[in-house]
């Protein structure tokens, strides 16, 4: 009887079915299957995660495997969480509600652009499958100690890479950078030979436009990674860090700076003098050194900015000090109609700020000439 209805009528009927019921209908005929996959699953599950998807809770293992086979070609963004606690029972070794990690890498993913895998069982063998089955993969997140970096360079369209591992090898990352296609990389964990990683990372310093590093970056490279690096970092526009290293005071290309360390007034003036294009200064810092004579240094900073002939933009300072009134009062007294500083209040609690999206490892944004 349903065969007599057109596709639009069938879609109206099928929309009231849950996933398990829709899966049963797919077995009735190829036409019904195409309607459900194309009209419902293709869009609904284009971003699929193996965790916390309530719509799939009613599916047992066999049902889920059939269902996933239908949606796999249409998945654009896939997130695979740990499968160890749901793929097997603890003592019988039998499959339960969901398959193990290997299952997800048996399929072709012609539409996949983003893959996040948080399963610690992921290893290089799965990367060889990704080369064949995910031709358009652009963003890859991996969290596994079995990932050294091998095979990553063979992913033809990779643009963003996030790797967390304790067995990173510099030579594989050198191969990645040699391709000159990667636009962003975040490395976390630990490198086997840190001196080798120093060499690899220093080679790409001229291509770095954005840099984020944290207190534990020494696990990736040596503590001398940024020593005398100001000249090589000639295209660095955005810097996010906890502590300002010595090389920062020699940079001349910054447009955005965020830091959490102590700062002296003289150091602040040096940063401003050297970076005439600086637009945003986020100071999540201890202000003990800035509180005394706050009006004096703020007024002097205003004059220094006005003396910069090459400055074409206003400096936005984000900090947790009530200095806006002081700055506005100074402008009024001096007859300045246009301000060169805009002060915005921000919380000192850096966990509430959006600027440090992660607090471990080293992250680069790259621009290849």
Protein backbone atom coordinates (compact mmCIF):
# COMPACT_ATOMS: atom_id res chain seq x y z
CA UNK A 1 0.00 0.00 0.00
CA UNK A 2 2.79 2.43 0.87
CA UNK A 3 4.40 1.76 -2.50
CA UNK A 4 1.59 3.72 -4.14
CA UNK A 5 2.50 6.93 -2.31
CA UNK A 6 4.95 9.43 -3.74
CA UNK A 7 8.24 10.28 -2.03
CA UNK A 8 6.91 13.42 -0.34
CA UNK A 9 4.05 11.53 1.29
CA UNK A 10 6.39 8.81 2.47
CA UNK A 11 8.73 11.40 3.95
CA UNK A 12 5.82 12.88 5.91
CA UNK A 13 5.07 9.45 7.34
CA UNK A 14 8.66 8.42 8.06
CA UNK A 15 9.47 11.60 9.98
CA UNK A 16 7.32 10.38 12.88
CA UNK A 17 9.40 7.22 13.29
CA UNK A 18 12.37 6.98 15.63
CA UNK A 19 15.75 5.77 14.39
CA UNK A 20 15.12 2.12 15.23
CA UNK A 21 11.79 2.15 13.40
CA UNK A 22 13.33 3.94 10.43
CA UNK A 23 16.05 1.29 10.31
CA UNK A 24 13.39 -1.43 10.12
CA UNK A 25 11.75 0.41 7.22
CA UNK A 26 15.04 0.58 5.30
CA UNK A 27 14.94 -3.22 5.03
CA UNK A 28 11.53 -3.19 3.33
CA UNK A 29 12.66 -1.82 -0.01
CA UNK A 30 15.52 0.04 -1.64
CA UNK A 31 13.20 2.98 -2.33
CA UNK A 32 12.25 3.34 1.32
CA UNK A 33 15.89 3.08 2.29
CA UNK A 34 16.90 5.86 -0.10
CA UNK A 35 14.14 8.16 1.19
CA UNK A 36 15.14 7.72 4.82
CA UNK A 37 18.86 8.06 4.21
CA UNK A 38 18.61 11.04 1.87
CA UNK A 39 15.80 12.94 3.58
CA UNK A 40 16.66 12.32 7.22
CA UNK A 41 19.96 10.66 8.10
CA UNK A 42 22.18 12.37 5.54
CA UNK A 43 21.63 15.78 7.15
CA UNK A 44 20.94 14.79 10.74
CA UNK A 45 24.09 12.71 11.10
CA UNK A 46 26.48 14.75 8.97
CA UNK A 47 28.16 15.54 12.31
CA UNK A 48 28.32 12.25 14.20
CA UNK A 49 29.72 11.46 17.63
CA UNK A 50 29.97 8.01 19.21
CA UNK A 51 29.02 9.38 22.61
CA UNK A 52 25.91 11.02 24.06
CA UNK A 53 23.71 10.63 20.98
CA UNK A 54 20.38 9.73 22.58
CA UNK A 55 18.69 9.06 19.24
CA UNK A 56 20.79 5.91 18.79
CA UNK A 57 20.35 4.50 22.29
CA UNK A 58 17.69 2.00 21.23
CA UNK A 59 19.97 0.37 18.67
CA UNK A 60 21.72 -2.84 19.67
CA UNK A 61 25.11 -3.76 18.24
CA UNK A 62 23.81 -5.37 15.05
CA UNK A 63 21.36 -2.54 14.42
CA UNK A 64 24.03 0.09 14.99
CA UNK A 65 26.44 -1.56 12.54
CA UNK A 66 23.79 -1.57 9.81
CA UNK A 67 22.74 1.99 10.62
CA UNK A 68 26.32 3.27 10.59
CA UNK A 69 26.95 1.67 7.21
CA UNK A 70 24.18 3.83 5.78
CA UNK A 71 25.35 7.14 7.27
CA UNK A 72 29.14 6.71 6.87
CA UNK A 73 29.28 8.04 3.27
CA UNK A 74 27.49 11.22 4.39
CA UNK A 75 29.44 12.03 7.57
CA UNK A 76 31.33 15.31 7.29
CA UNK A 77 32.50 15.57 10.90
CA UNK A 78 33.21 12.45 12.98
CA UNK A 79 34.11 12.30 16.67
CA UNK A 80 35.16 8.91 18.07
CA UNK A 81 35.44 8.66 21.83
CA UNK A 82 36.99 5.80 23.79
CA UNK A 83 35.42 2.49 22.77
CA UNK A 84 37.04 0.24 25.39
CA UNK A 85 34.28 0.60 27.97
CA UNK A 86 31.39 0.00 25.57
CA UNK A 87 32.77 -2.50 23.06
CA UNK A 88 33.43 -5.35 25.50
CA UNK A 89 32.17 -6.59 28.83
CA UNK A 90 34.83 -6.56 31.49
CA UNK A 91 35.29 -10.29 31.99
CA UNK A 92 33.52 -12.23 29.21
CA UNK A 93 35.20 -10.43 26.33
CA UNK A 94 31.94 -10.29 24.39
CA UNK A 95 30.72 -7.39 22.30
CA UNK A 96 28.02 -5.28 23.94
CA UNK A 97 26.17 -2.28 22.48
CA UNK A 98 28.86 -0.73 20.29
CA UNK A 99 31.73 -1.95 18.10
CA UNK A 100 35.41 -1.45 18.80
CA UNK A 101 37.61 1.24 17.29
CA UNK A 102 38.59 -0.74 14.18
CA UNK A 103 34.97 -0.86 13.03
CA UNK A 104 34.86 2.87 12.30
CA UNK A 105 37.82 2.67 9.91
CA UNK A 106 36.38 -0.02 7.64
CA UNK A 107 34.20 2.44 5.76
CA UNK A 108 34.75 4.86 2.92
CA UNK A 109 34.24 8.49 3.97
CA UNK A 110 34.00 10.53 0.75
CA UNK A 111 32.46 13.54 2.54
CA UNK A 112 34.54 13.52 5.74
CA UNK A 113 36.32 16.82 6.47
CA UNK A 114 36.89 16.63 10.24
CA UNK A 115 37.96 13.64 12.35
CA UNK A 116 38.49 13.71 16.10
CA UNK A 117 39.62 10.49 17.73
CA UNK A 118 40.01 10.43 21.51
CA UNK A 119 40.53 6.67 21.72
CA UNK A 120 43.98 5.86 23.11
CA UNK A 121 44.10 2.69 20.97
CA UNK A 122 44.51 4.68 17.76
CA UNK A 123 47.78 3.84 15.97
CA UNK A 124 49.61 4.37 12.70
CA UNK A 125 47.81 1.53 10.97
CA UNK A 126 44.59 3.49 11.10
CA UNK A 127 46.33 6.43 9.43
CA UNK A 128 47.13 4.30 6.40
CA UNK A 129 43.41 3.58 6.12
CA UNK A 130 42.58 7.26 6.38
CA UNK A 131 44.80 7.93 3.37
CA UNK A 132 42.64 5.63 1.25
CA UNK A 133 39.21 6.13 2.76
CA UNK A 134 39.14 9.87 3.60
CA UNK A 135 40.41 11.70 0.50
CA UNK A 136 39.07 15.10 1.61
CA UNK A 137 40.09 15.06 5.28
CA UNK A 138 41.16 18.57 6.33
CA UNK A 139 41.13 18.63 10.16
CA UNK A 140 42.50 15.81 12.32
CA UNK A 141 42.58 15.51 16.14
CA UNK A 142 44.43 12.53 17.64
CA UNK A 143 44.96 11.66 21.31
CA UNK A 144 47.03 8.49 21.53
CA UNK A 145 50.54 7.56 22.64
CA UNK A 146 50.81 5.24 19.64
CA UNK A 147 50.96 8.21 17.24
CA UNK A 148 54.51 9.26 16.41
CA UNK A 149 53.64 11.40 13.40
CA UNK A 150 54.35 8.72 10.80
CA UNK A 151 51.97 8.66 7.80
CA UNK A 152 50.49 12.06 8.65
CA UNK A 153 52.34 13.72 5.79
CA UNK A 154 50.57 11.39 3.35
CA UNK A 155 47.14 12.90 4.03
CA UNK A 156 46.83 15.05 0.89
CA UNK A 157 44.39 17.74 2.03
CA UNK A 158 45.27 18.09 5.71
CA UNK A 159 45.04 21.72 6.84
CA UNK A 160 44.78 21.49 10.65
CA UNK A 161 46.46 18.92 12.90
CA UNK A 162 46.12 18.42 16.66
CA UNK A 163 48.28 15.64 18.10
CA UNK A 164 48.63 14.53 21.72
CA UNK A 165 51.22 11.77 22.19
CA UNK A 166 54.27 10.87 24.26
CA UNK A 167 56.16 9.28 21.34
CA UNK A 168 56.41 12.17 18.87
CA UNK A 169 59.28 11.99 16.37
CA UNK A 170 60.64 15.14 14.76
CA UNK A 171 61.36 13.58 11.35
CA UNK A 172 57.69 12.92 10.67
CA UNK A 173 56.75 16.52 11.42
CA UNK A 174 59.54 17.69 9.15
CA UNK A 175 57.88 15.67 6.39
CA UNK A 176 54.54 17.34 7.16
CA UNK A 177 55.99 20.85 6.96
CA UNK A 178 57.85 20.01 3.77
CA UNK A 179 54.48 19.58 2.05
CA UNK A 180 53.79 23.30 2.82
CA UNK A 181 50.03 22.73 3.10
CA UNK A 182 49.38 22.66 6.84
CA UNK A 183 47.82 25.91 8.13
CA UNK A 184 47.54 25.12 11.86
CA UNK A 185 49.17 22.58 14.15
CA UNK A 186 48.87 21.95 17.89
CA UNK A 187 51.45 19.57 19.39
CA UNK A 188 50.94 18.17 22.89
CA UNK A 189 52.70 15.44 24.84
CA UNK A 190 56.41 14.69 24.56
CA UNK A 191 59.02 14.36 21.82
CA UNK A 192 61.50 11.49 21.76
CA UNK A 193 64.49 13.69 20.83
CA UNK A 194 63.78 17.32 21.69
CA UNK A 195 66.88 18.75 19.97
CA UNK A 196 65.64 17.34 16.67
CA UNK A 197 62.27 18.99 17.16
CA UNK A 198 64.07 22.29 17.82
CA UNK A 199 65.59 22.14 14.35
CA UNK A 200 62.31 21.24 12.67
CA UNK A 201 60.30 23.99 14.37
CA UNK A 202 62.94 26.67 13.84
CA UNK A 203 62.79 25.96 10.11
CA UNK A 204 59.15 27.07 10.02
CA UNK A 205 59.54 30.16 12.22
CA UNK A 206 59.37 32.53 9.19
CA UNK A 207 55.97 31.04 8.25
CA UNK A 208 54.40 31.40 11.72
CA UNK A 209 51.69 34.07 11.96
CA UNK A 210 50.16 32.96 15.27
CA UNK A 211 51.91 31.32 18.22
CA UNK A 212 50.59 29.87 21.47
CA UNK A 213 52.95 28.29 23.97
CA UNK A 214 52.61 27.29 27.58
CA UNK A 215 54.78 26.40 30.58
CA UNK A 216 55.22 22.81 29.47
CA UNK A 217 56.39 23.49 25.91
CA UNK A 218 59.76 22.10 27.04
CA UNK A 219 58.23 18.62 26.74
CA UNK A 220 58.00 19.18 22.97
CA UNK A 221 61.32 20.93 22.38
CA UNK A 222 64.22 22.18 24.49
CA UNK A 223 64.04 25.32 26.59
CA UNK A 224 66.27 27.04 24.02
CA UNK A 225 63.69 26.77 21.24
CA UNK A 226 62.90 30.49 21.25
CA UNK A 227 66.41 31.69 22.06
CA UNK A 228 67.39 34.50 19.64
CA UNK A 229 64.28 33.79 17.57
CA UNK A 230 62.91 37.31 17.09
CA UNK A 231 64.45 37.80 13.66
CA UNK A 232 63.18 34.44 12.39
CA UNK A 233 59.65 35.14 13.67
CA UNK A 234 59.34 38.02 11.23
CA UNK A 235 55.69 37.34 10.33
CA UNK A 236 54.38 36.69 13.84
CA UNK A 237 51.19 38.75 14.34
CA UNK A 238 49.45 37.00 17.26
CA UNK A 239 51.14 35.72 20.41
CA UNK A 240 49.41 33.98 23.33
CA UNK A 241 51.52 32.83 26.28
CA UNK A 242 51.79 32.65 30.03
CA UNK A 243 55.24 34.16 30.42
CA UNK A 244 56.92 36.70 28.18
CA UNK A 245 60.27 35.31 27.08
CA UNK A 246 63.17 37.62 26.25
CA UNK A 247 62.70 37.39 22.48
CA UNK A 248 59.22 38.96 22.73
CA UNK A 249 60.70 42.37 23.51
CA UNK A 250 62.57 42.29 20.19
CA UNK A 251 59.53 41.54 18.02
CA UNK A 252 58.22 44.25 15.68
CA UNK A 253 55.25 42.64 13.93
CA UNK A 254 52.73 41.93 16.70
CA UNK A 255 49.10 42.89 16.24
CA UNK A 256 47.67 40.91 19.17
CA UNK A 257 49.37 39.91 22.44
CA UNK A 258 48.03 37.97 25.42
CA UNK A 259 50.10 37.05 28.46
CA UNK A 260 49.68 36.20 32.15
CA UNK A 261 53.08 37.04 33.62
CA UNK A 262 54.38 39.91 35.74
CA UNK A 263 55.19 43.03 33.77
CA UNK A 264 57.19 46.15 34.54
CA UNK A 265 56.16 49.51 33.17
CA UNK A 266 59.43 49.85 31.24
CA UNK A 267 58.80 46.48 29.59
CA UNK A 268 55.32 47.60 28.61
CA UNK A 269 56.74 50.71 26.95
CA UNK A 270 59.29 48.60 25.09
CA UNK A 271 56.56 46.34 23.70
CA UNK A 272 54.52 49.33 22.55
CA UNK A 273 57.49 51.15 21.01
CA UNK A 274 58.57 48.13 18.99
CA UNK A 275 55.13 47.12 17.71
CA UNK A 276 53.45 50.06 16.01
CA UNK A 277 50.76 47.77 14.56
CA UNK A 278 49.69 46.34 17.92
CA UNK A 279 45.88 46.52 18.15
CA UNK A 280 44.96 44.29 21.11
CA UNK A 281 46.87 43.84 24.36
CA UNK A 282 45.34 41.33 26.78
CA UNK A 283 46.95 41.53 30.20
CA UNK A 284 45.83 38.68 32.43
CA UNK A 285 48.60 39.49 34.84
CA UNK A 286 49.59 40.49 38.37
CA UNK A 287 49.19 44.26 38.48
CA UNK A 288 51.26 45.05 41.58
CA UNK A 289 53.92 46.75 39.45
CA UNK A 290 51.34 48.76 37.50
CA UNK A 291 49.18 50.02 40.35
CA UNK A 292 51.61 52.65 41.75
CA UNK A 293 51.42 55.84 39.69
CA UNK A 294 48.90 54.27 37.31
CA UNK A 295 47.92 57.69 35.99
CA UNK A 296 51.52 58.60 35.22
CA UNK A 297 52.38 55.55 33.14
CA UNK A 298 49.03 55.56 31.36
CA UNK A 299 49.46 59.20 30.38
CA UNK A 300 53.02 58.57 29.22
CA UNK A 301 51.83 55.58 27.21
CA UNK A 302 49.25 57.81 25.54
CA UNK A 303 51.96 60.28 24.49
CA UNK A 304 54.22 57.50 23.19
CA UNK A 305 51.42 56.18 21.02
CA UNK A 306 50.75 59.64 19.60
CA UNK A 307 54.41 59.96 18.69
CA UNK A 308 54.33 56.78 16.59
CA UNK A 309 54.00 58.15 13.07
CA UNK A 310 53.48 54.70 11.56
CA UNK A 311 50.61 53.80 13.89
CA UNK A 312 47.34 53.54 11.96
CA UNK A 313 45.14 51.91 14.60
CA UNK A 314 43.92 52.41 18.15
CA UNK A 315 45.48 50.26 20.88
CA UNK A 316 42.86 48.23 22.76
CA UNK A 317 44.10 47.31 26.24
CA UNK A 318 42.14 44.60 28.05
CA UNK A 319 42.87 44.42 31.78
CA UNK A 320 41.18 44.30 35.15
CA UNK A 321 42.02 47.80 36.34
CA UNK A 322 39.64 50.82 36.53
CA UNK A 323 41.77 53.03 34.28
CA UNK A 324 39.27 54.04 31.62
CA UNK A 325 38.16 57.14 33.56
CA UNK A 326 41.79 58.16 34.12
CA UNK A 327 42.55 57.87 30.42
CA UNK A 328 39.42 59.80 29.39
CA UNK A 329 40.17 62.53 31.92
CA UNK A 330 43.71 62.90 30.58
CA UNK A 331 42.44 63.19 27.00
CA UNK A 332 40.03 65.92 28.11
CA UNK A 333 42.73 67.91 29.93
CA UNK A 334 45.07 67.74 26.94
CA UNK A 335 42.34 68.58 24.45
CA UNK A 336 42.63 65.27 22.59
CA UNK A 337 39.43 64.71 20.62
CA UNK A 338 40.41 61.24 19.41
CA UNK A 339 41.72 58.58 21.77
CA UNK A 340 44.70 56.39 20.89
CA UNK A 341 43.88 53.91 23.68
CA UNK A 342 40.67 52.05 24.42
CA UNK A 343 40.68 50.31 27.80
CA UNK A 344 38.33 47.36 28.30
CA UNK A 345 37.82 45.58 31.60
CA UNK A 346 38.46 41.83 31.61
CA UNK A 347 38.53 39.29 34.45
CA UNK A 348 41.90 38.28 35.86
CA UNK A 349 40.64 34.69 36.00
CA UNK A 350 42.07 33.39 32.72
CA UNK A 351 39.75 30.37 32.78
CA UNK A 352 36.98 32.79 31.82
CA UNK A 353 38.82 34.31 28.88
CA UNK A 354 38.48 32.89 25.36
CA UNK A 355 42.03 33.55 24.29
CA UNK A 356 43.86 30.49 25.59
CA UNK A 357 41.84 27.76 23.92
CA UNK A 358 44.20 25.16 25.34
CA UNK A 359 46.83 25.23 28.05
CA UNK A 360 49.31 22.61 27.04
CA UNK A 361 51.88 22.18 24.28
CA UNK A 362 52.69 24.49 21.37
CA UNK A 363 50.33 25.73 18.69
CA UNK A 364 51.17 27.46 15.41
CA UNK A 365 49.22 29.08 12.60
CA UNK A 366 51.21 29.06 9.37
CA UNK A 367 51.16 31.02 6.14
CA UNK A 368 53.13 29.64 3.22
CA UNK A 369 54.49 32.02 0.62
